[in-house]
C-alpha atoms as a PDB file:
ATOM      1  CA  MET A   1     -40.353  12.390   1.241  1.00  0.00           C
ATOM      2  CA  LYS A   2     -44.048  12.924   2.199  1.00  0.00           C
ATOM      3  CA  GLY A   3     -43.787  16.484   0.977  1.00  0.00           C
ATOM      4  CA  ILE A   4     -42.481  15.245  -2.382  1.00  0.00           C
ATOM      5  CA  ASN A   5     -45.441  12.874  -2.849  1.00  0.00           C
ATOM      6  CA  LYS A   6     -47.946  15.534  -2.022  1.00  0.00           C
ATOM      7  CA  ILE A   7     -46.325  17.904  -4.542  1.00  0.00           C
ATOM      8  CA  THR A   8     -46.380  15.336  -7.200  1.00  0.00           C
ATOM      9  CA  ILE A   9     -50.007  14.451  -6.615  1.00  0.00           C
ATOM     10  CA  ILE A  10     -50.999  18.104  -6.754  1.00  0.00           C
ATOM     11  CA  PHE A  11     -48.892  18.619  -9.789  1.00  0.00           C
ATOM     12  CA  SER A  12     -50.447  15.536 -11.499  1.00  0.00           C
ATOM     13  CA  ILE A  13     -53.938  16.807 -10.682  1.00  0.00           C
ATOM     14  CA  LEU A  14     -53.141  20.388 -12.096  1.00  0.00           C
ATOM     15  CA  LEU A  15     -51.764  18.901 -15.305  1.00  0.00           C
ATOM     16  CA  TRP A  16     -54.774  16.680 -15.720  1.00  0.00           C
ATOM     17  CA  PHE A  17     -57.180  19.560 -15.364  1.00  0.00           C
ATOM     18  CA  LEU A  18     -55.119  21.793 -17.745  1.00  0.00           C
ATOM     19  CA  GLN A  19     -55.213  19.163 -20.578  1.00  0.00           C
ATOM     20  CA  PRO A  20     -56.232  20.936 -23.895  1.00  0.00           C
ATOM     21  CA  SER A  21     -58.233  17.987 -24.892  1.00  0.00           C
ATOM     22  CA  LEU A  22     -60.657  18.665 -22.084  1.00  0.00           C
ATOM     23  CA  PHE A  23     -61.459  21.953 -23.442  1.00  0.00           C
ATOM     24  CA  SER A  24     -61.328  21.273 -27.098  1.00  0.00           C
ATOM     25  CA  GLN A  25     -64.340  21.075 -29.392  1.00  0.00           C
ATOM     26  CA  ASP A  26     -64.892  18.444 -31.921  1.00  0.00           C
ATOM     27  CA  VAL A  27     -64.839  19.788 -35.453  1.00  0.00           C
ATOM     28  CA  TYR A  28     -67.703  19.030 -37.729  1.00  0.00           C
ATOM     29  CA  LYS A  29     -67.161  21.396 -40.641  1.00  0.00           C
ATOM     30  CA  MET A  30     -63.884  21.741 -42.390  1.00  0.00           C
ATOM     31  CA  THR A  31     -62.792  23.574 -45.517  1.00  0.00           C
ATOM     32  CA  VAL A  32     -60.179  22.267 -47.972  1.00  0.00           C
ATOM     33  CA  ALA A  33     -58.514  24.902 -50.232  1.00  0.00           C
ATOM     34  CA  GLN A  34     -55.311  24.391 -52.264  1.00  0.00           C
ATOM     35  CA  ASP A  35     -54.379  28.134 -51.631  1.00  0.00           C
ATOM     36  CA  SER A  36     -54.211  27.620 -47.806  1.00  0.00           C
ATOM     37  CA  SER A  37     -57.447  29.678 -47.238  1.00  0.00           C
ATOM     38  CA  GLY A  38     -59.219  26.712 -45.634  1.00  0.00           C
ATOM     39  CA  ASP A  39     -58.433  24.503 -42.581  1.00  0.00           C
ATOM     40  CA  TYR A  40     -56.360  21.998 -44.926  1.00  0.00           C
ATOM     41  CA  THR A  41     -54.834  21.949 -48.370  1.00  0.00           C
ATOM     42  CA  THR A  42     -55.625  18.294 -49.144  1.00  0.00           C
ATOM     43  CA  ILE A  43     -58.877  16.363 -48.865  1.00  0.00           C
ATOM     44  CA  GLN A  44     -57.039  13.497 -47.279  1.00  0.00           C
ATOM     45  CA  ALA A  45     -55.677  15.572 -44.518  1.00  0.00           C
ATOM     46  CA  ALA A  46     -59.235  16.784 -43.654  1.00  0.00           C
ATOM     47  CA  ILE A  47     -60.456  13.246 -43.616  1.00  0.00           C
ATOM     48  CA  ASP A  48     -57.596  12.095 -41.388  1.00  0.00           C
ATOM     49  CA  ALA A  49     -58.248  14.899 -39.043  1.00  0.00           C
ATOM     50  CA  SER A  50     -62.025  14.009 -38.679  1.00  0.00           C
ATOM     51  CA  LYS A  51     -63.393  12.201 -35.632  1.00  0.00           C
ATOM     52  CA  SER A  52     -63.856   8.475 -35.791  1.00  0.00           C
ATOM     53  CA  PHE A  53     -67.405   7.410 -35.148  1.00  0.00           C
ATOM     54  CA  PRO A  54     -68.712  10.883 -34.852  1.00  0.00           C
ATOM     55  CA  ASP A  55     -72.011  11.589 -33.066  1.00  0.00           C
ATOM     56  CA  GLN A  56     -73.013  13.927 -35.938  1.00  0.00           C
ATOM     57  CA  ARG A  57     -72.220  14.412 -39.527  1.00  0.00           C
ATOM     58  CA  ILE A  58     -68.859  15.867 -40.511  1.00  0.00           C
ATOM     59  CA  THR A  59     -68.966  17.996 -43.629  1.00  0.00           C
ATOM     60  CA  ILE A  60     -65.765  18.637 -45.536  1.00  0.00           C
ATOM     61  CA  PHE A  61     -66.281  21.495 -48.016  1.00  0.00           C
ATOM     62  CA  VAL A  62     -63.803  21.458 -50.957  1.00  0.00           C
ATOM     63  CA  LYS A  63     -63.049  24.625 -52.782  1.00  0.00           C
ATOM     64  CA  ASN A  64     -62.693  24.616 -56.519  1.00  0.00           C
ATOM     65  CA  GLY A  65     -59.455  23.116 -57.872  1.00  0.00           C
ATOM     66  CA  THR A  66     -57.934  19.955 -59.284  1.00  0.00           C
ATOM     67  CA  TYR A  67     -56.989  17.683 -56.303  1.00  0.00           C
ATOM     68  CA  MET A  68     -54.573  15.027 -57.405  1.00  0.00           C
ATOM     69  CA  GLU A  69     -54.979  12.620 -54.485  1.00  0.00           C
ATOM     70  CA  LYS A  70     -56.141   9.130 -53.880  1.00  0.00           C
ATOM     71  CA  ILE A  71     -58.765   9.362 -51.168  1.00  0.00           C
ATOM     72  CA  VAL A  72     -59.092   6.716 -48.502  1.00  0.00           C
ATOM     73  CA  VAL A  73     -62.128   6.978 -46.107  1.00  0.00           C
ATOM     74  CA  PRO A  74     -61.691   4.702 -43.167  1.00  0.00           C
ATOM     75  CA  ALA A  75     -64.729   2.608 -41.978  1.00  0.00           C
ATOM     76  CA  CYS A  76     -64.723   4.534 -38.755  1.00  0.00           C
ATOM     77  CA  ASN A  77     -65.644   7.755 -40.583  1.00  0.00           C
ATOM     78  CA  THR A  78     -69.448   6.711 -40.564  1.00  0.00           C
ATOM     79  CA  ARG A  79     -70.997  10.163 -41.011  1.00  0.00           C
ATOM     80  CA  LEU A  80     -68.836  12.024 -43.524  1.00  0.00           C
ATOM     81  CA  SER A  81     -69.866  14.165 -46.481  1.00  0.00           C
ATOM     82  CA  ILE A  82     -67.347  15.644 -48.896  1.00  0.00           C
ATOM     83  CA  ILE A  83     -68.998  18.539 -50.800  1.00  0.00           C
ATOM     84  CA  GLY A  84     -67.351  20.274 -53.693  1.00  0.00           C
ATOM     85  CA  GLU A  85     -67.872  24.056 -54.319  1.00  0.00           C
ATOM     86  CA  ASN A  86     -68.821  23.389 -58.006  1.00  0.00           C
ATOM     87  CA  ALA A  87     -69.366  20.095 -59.709  1.00  0.00           C
ATOM     88  CA  GLU A  88     -67.483  21.177 -62.823  1.00  0.00           C
ATOM     89  CA  LYS A  89     -64.649  23.053 -61.100  1.00  0.00           C
ATOM     90  CA  THR A  90     -63.982  20.668 -58.134  1.00  0.00           C
ATOM     91  CA  ILE A  91     -62.015  17.799 -59.417  1.00  0.00           C
ATOM     92  CA  ILE A  92     -60.628  14.828 -57.489  1.00  0.00           C
ATOM     93  CA  THR A  93     -58.398  12.618 -59.648  1.00  0.00           C
ATOM     94  CA  TRP A  94     -55.541  10.155 -59.328  1.00  0.00           C
ATOM     95  CA  ASN A  95     -55.215   8.849 -62.757  1.00  0.00           C
ATOM     96  CA  ASP A  96     -55.319   5.345 -61.369  1.00  0.00           C
ATOM     97  CA  TYR A  97     -57.044   2.509 -63.296  1.00  0.00           C
ATOM     98  CA  PHE A  98     -56.781  -1.114 -63.950  1.00  0.00           C
ATOM     99  CA  ALA A  99     -54.611  -1.016 -67.049  1.00  0.00           C
ATOM    100  CA  LYS A 100     -51.980   1.011 -65.324  1.00  0.00           C
ATOM    101  CA  MET A 101     -51.661  -1.584 -62.515  1.00  0.00           C
ATOM    102  CA  LYS A 102     -50.562  -4.393 -64.854  1.00  0.00           C
ATOM    103  CA  ARG A 103     -51.246  -7.031 -62.167  1.00  0.00           C
ATOM    104  CA  GLY A 104     -53.184  -9.422 -64.249  1.00  0.00           C
ATOM    105  CA  ARG A 105     -55.795 -11.609 -62.533  1.00  0.00           C
ATOM    106  CA  ASN A 106     -54.726 -10.472 -59.100  1.00  0.00           C
ATOM    107  CA  SER A 107     -56.774  -7.282 -59.650  1.00  0.00           C
ATOM    108  CA  THR A 108     -60.482  -6.432 -60.053  1.00  0.00           C
ATOM    109  CA  PHE A 109     -61.600  -5.477 -63.554  1.00  0.00           C
ATOM    110  CA  TYR A 110     -64.747  -4.865 -65.419  1.00  0.00           C
ATOM    111  CA  ALA A 111     -65.854  -7.241 -68.404  1.00  0.00           C
ATOM    112  CA  GLU A 112     -69.001  -8.064 -69.875  1.00  0.00           C
ATOM    113  CA  TYR A 113     -70.340 -10.548 -72.592  1.00  0.00           C
ATOM    114  CA  GLY A 114     -73.485 -10.396 -74.698  1.00  0.00           C
ATOM    115  CA  ASN A 115     -75.072  -7.298 -73.085  1.00  0.00           C
ATOM    116  CA  THR A 116     -78.062  -6.330 -75.028  1.00  0.00           C
ATOM    117  CA  SER A 117     -79.712  -4.110 -72.493  1.00  0.00           C
ATOM    118  CA  PRO A 118     -80.582  -0.381 -73.238  1.00  0.00           C
ATOM    119  CA  GLY A 119     -77.222   0.472 -71.637  1.00  0.00           C
ATOM    120  CA  ALA A 120     -75.260  -1.866 -73.934  1.00  0.00           C
ATOM    121  CA  ASP A 121     -73.541   0.846 -76.028  1.00  0.00           C
ATOM    122  CA  VAL A 122     -69.913  -0.181 -75.479  1.00  0.00           C
ATOM    123  CA  SER A 123     -68.655   3.132 -77.041  1.00  0.00           C
ATOM    124  CA  LYS A 124     -69.684   4.782 -73.652  1.00  0.00           C
ATOM    125  CA  ARG A 125     -67.648   2.430 -71.425  1.00  0.00           C
ATOM    126  CA  VAL A 126     -64.468   3.395 -69.663  1.00  0.00           C
ATOM    127  CA  ASP A 127     -61.417   2.688 -71.726  1.00  0.00           C
ATOM    128  CA  TRP A 128     -60.321  -0.161 -69.273  1.00  0.00           C
ATOM    129  CA  SER A 129     -63.601  -2.140 -69.745  1.00  0.00           C
ATOM    130  CA  HIS A 130     -63.325  -5.296 -71.654  1.00  0.00           C
ATOM    131  CA  GLN A 131     -65.858  -7.104 -73.927  1.00  0.00           C
ATOM    132  CA  LEU A 132     -65.397 -10.809 -73.497  1.00  0.00           C
ATOM    133  CA  THR A 133     -65.334 -12.987 -76.519  1.00  0.00           C
ATOM    134  CA  GLU A 134     -67.523 -16.161 -76.553  1.00  0.00           C
ATOM    135  CA  LYS A 135     -64.327 -18.228 -75.841  1.00  0.00           C
ATOM    136  CA  GLU A 136     -63.373 -16.023 -72.855  1.00  0.00           C
ATOM    137  CA  ALA A 137     -66.863 -16.066 -71.519  1.00  0.00           C
ATOM    138  CA  LYS A 138     -66.777 -19.866 -71.325  1.00  0.00           C
ATOM    139  CA  LYS A 139     -64.158 -19.724 -68.616  1.00  0.00           C
ATOM    140  CA  TYR A 140     -66.573 -17.774 -66.210  1.00  0.00           C
ATOM    141  CA  ILE A 141     -68.531 -20.783 -64.827  1.00  0.00           C
ATOM    142  CA  ILE A 142     -69.468 -21.122 -61.134  1.00  0.00           C
ATOM    143  CA  SER A 143     -66.915 -23.817 -60.491  1.00  0.00           C
ATOM    144  CA  ASN A 144     -64.012 -21.775 -61.925  1.00  0.00           C
ATOM    145  CA  ILE A 145     -64.969 -18.689 -59.979  1.00  0.00           C
ATOM    146  CA  LEU A 146     -65.694 -20.186 -56.568  1.00  0.00           C
ATOM    147  CA  SER A 147     -63.418 -23.240 -56.382  1.00  0.00           C
ATOM    148  CA  PRO A 148     -60.319 -21.162 -55.100  1.00  0.00           C
ATOM    149  CA  VAL A 149     -62.322 -19.842 -52.153  1.00  0.00           C
ATOM    150  CA  LEU A 150     -64.345 -22.919 -51.158  1.00  0.00           C
ATOM    151  CA  PRO A 151     -63.004 -26.056 -49.227  1.00  0.00           C
ATOM    152  CA  LEU A 152     -62.122 -28.866 -51.578  1.00  0.00           C
ATOM    153  CA  GLU A 153     -63.872 -31.646 -49.629  1.00  0.00           C
ATOM    154  CA  LYS A 154     -66.797 -31.632 -52.061  1.00  0.00           C
ATOM    155  CA  PRO A 155     -67.512 -30.254 -55.565  1.00  0.00           C
ATOM    156  CA  VAL A 156     -68.339 -26.524 -55.892  1.00  0.00           C
ATOM    157  CA  GLU A 157     -71.804 -27.376 -57.235  1.00  0.00           C
ATOM    158  CA  GLU A 158     -72.584 -29.346 -54.129  1.00  0.00           C
ATOM    159  CA  TRP A 159     -71.606 -26.183 -52.018  1.00  0.00           C
ATOM    160  CA  ILE A 160     -73.979 -24.062 -54.067  1.00  0.00           C
ATOM    161  CA  TYR A 161     -76.920 -26.292 -54.824  1.00  0.00           C
ATOM    162  CA  GLY A 162     -76.575 -28.983 -52.068  1.00  0.00           C
ATOM    163  CA  LYS A 163     -76.647 -32.764 -52.650  1.00  0.00           C
ATOM    164  CA  ASN A 164     -78.727 -34.093 -55.506  1.00  0.00           C
END
């Protein structure tokens, strides 16, 4: 029985020293290429493989192509750069926008009313933006916007401005 315990301990120590993770290097530069000539074929796979809270910047170089993927960068990827080979030929798209979601007021959207600034040319807006009418704009008052998220013990105006 004592011999078995010694063998188990020695075997465990050997396994611990031979772990690949002890000898592996963290990867800080990755290449994404759809033709499999890089480290990954999708941008998301490279992001998922990157180290959490890295001690130095991780650079993901993306070769030319149209990448049809919805990218999610976790908050733990604090030093991540995604660099395309060419601004005109490296395209990330998902064709995902508000109007396609059809979720009504449960989604975020862009709307404006009465904008007269130098950038007010509505012909240059994305197709899912919305120009509010005067009637629609009147609904967007502080109490209507904040009342769903503030406790109801006192009026919204009191939460914002304090007691008069």
